[in-house]
């Protein structure tokens, strides 16, 4: 069913990407003209972010087209690396993009593996642009060469660049000396081409004090924003970063850094956590109404893995709630079957259970919502799963004043 004749989106994509791959005439190596982008996109700081703002975002199709990567990062939840070869053919992904757009998804976010190693990346991005979608990629930026970027700029709206602290910290997580210097040096190529970029920083139990450095670097290099993303104990991180999942204190440190340093440096910050007051007030965006009528209502984020599996909401959701596999059918067919099967309603129930579980904690101040939902899906499907260590006492923090800036940075 998935191997249909070439879709309209793919046909348009091949035409667009072929034009993009032509060598630009008379372009100097150090000067590249900026591509004109619609003001509504070009002026948005959040267009480059790797993960959407949960309470204020268009639905996102997140695609991992390959597990090939030039690095084997300690925190990689897909366990990508130089020795991995799992890759999806572009015709399957272009069909999924076409279907996702028809189902109300407005952004294609490509991750990996390293997306710059996916040969057909320009074709995939062009397929999304042909459907009117915003296009972003998440990259370590080490392979962001002028030649590769020239292929992508006409069909790419923004890039999230992984920066995980000071040079020594970054290189240690990447497992390669010089990774930081190479990534930062390549930011020049992005600026020369007028390609918006942001940083994504993985927050652990030990590195909140590195946020100031990353925000300062963003200000110096012209990054549009910094996304602070809590570590999840999945994939390689479960083995290499044991005990490093951030607790509430570290999450709050991220919010405070957003308020103090982000404001001082003029850098937009998104911290991927929810405050207690947001969980209390935002019932409708967090807990889908049942029966679920549309895919995007229960799955504002839809994840396609390099093996073709389609998961709703978060990569850590229980596999029993998966939509299916693109090797077995088109996304629109998988979505219709998923809604009819009752799995959408079971996911909505897990969201409700996650909200109830968080609000039952008297000392709760902030939480990473996606992990909590994933945990509830595993409990609901009768498979025990432990995500986070026990929380410490919060006597000293219960009276913390939540400022408007902290509230704005916390995914809203």
Foldseek 3Di string as FASTA:
>chain_A
DLPDPFDPLLVQLVVVLVVLLDDDPPDDQQAAEADDDPPVLLVDLCLADQDALLQDDWQEEEEAFELAACFQFQQDQLRRYPPGGQGDDLRLLLLQLLVVLVQGGAAYEYEHRALLPVPCSSSNLSSNVVSNHAYEYEHCQLPLHLSSVSSRNVRHQEYEHEDAFDQVRRCVRRVHHPSVVSNLVSLSSCVSHSRAYAYEYEAWQPCLVRVLVRLVSCLVSVHQAYEYHFGWCHHSNVPRVPQTGHFPVSLVSQLVCCVPRCVVSVHHYAYQKAFLVCLVPVCPSQAPDPPDDGLCSLASYWYQYSQQWIAGNDPLADSVLTLGGSVVHRPVVSRVVSSVVCSSVLLSVLSVVLSVVQNVDLQGTMDNSSVSSRQSNCVVVPHHDDIHDDHDDQPVPSPPDQDPSSNVNHSD
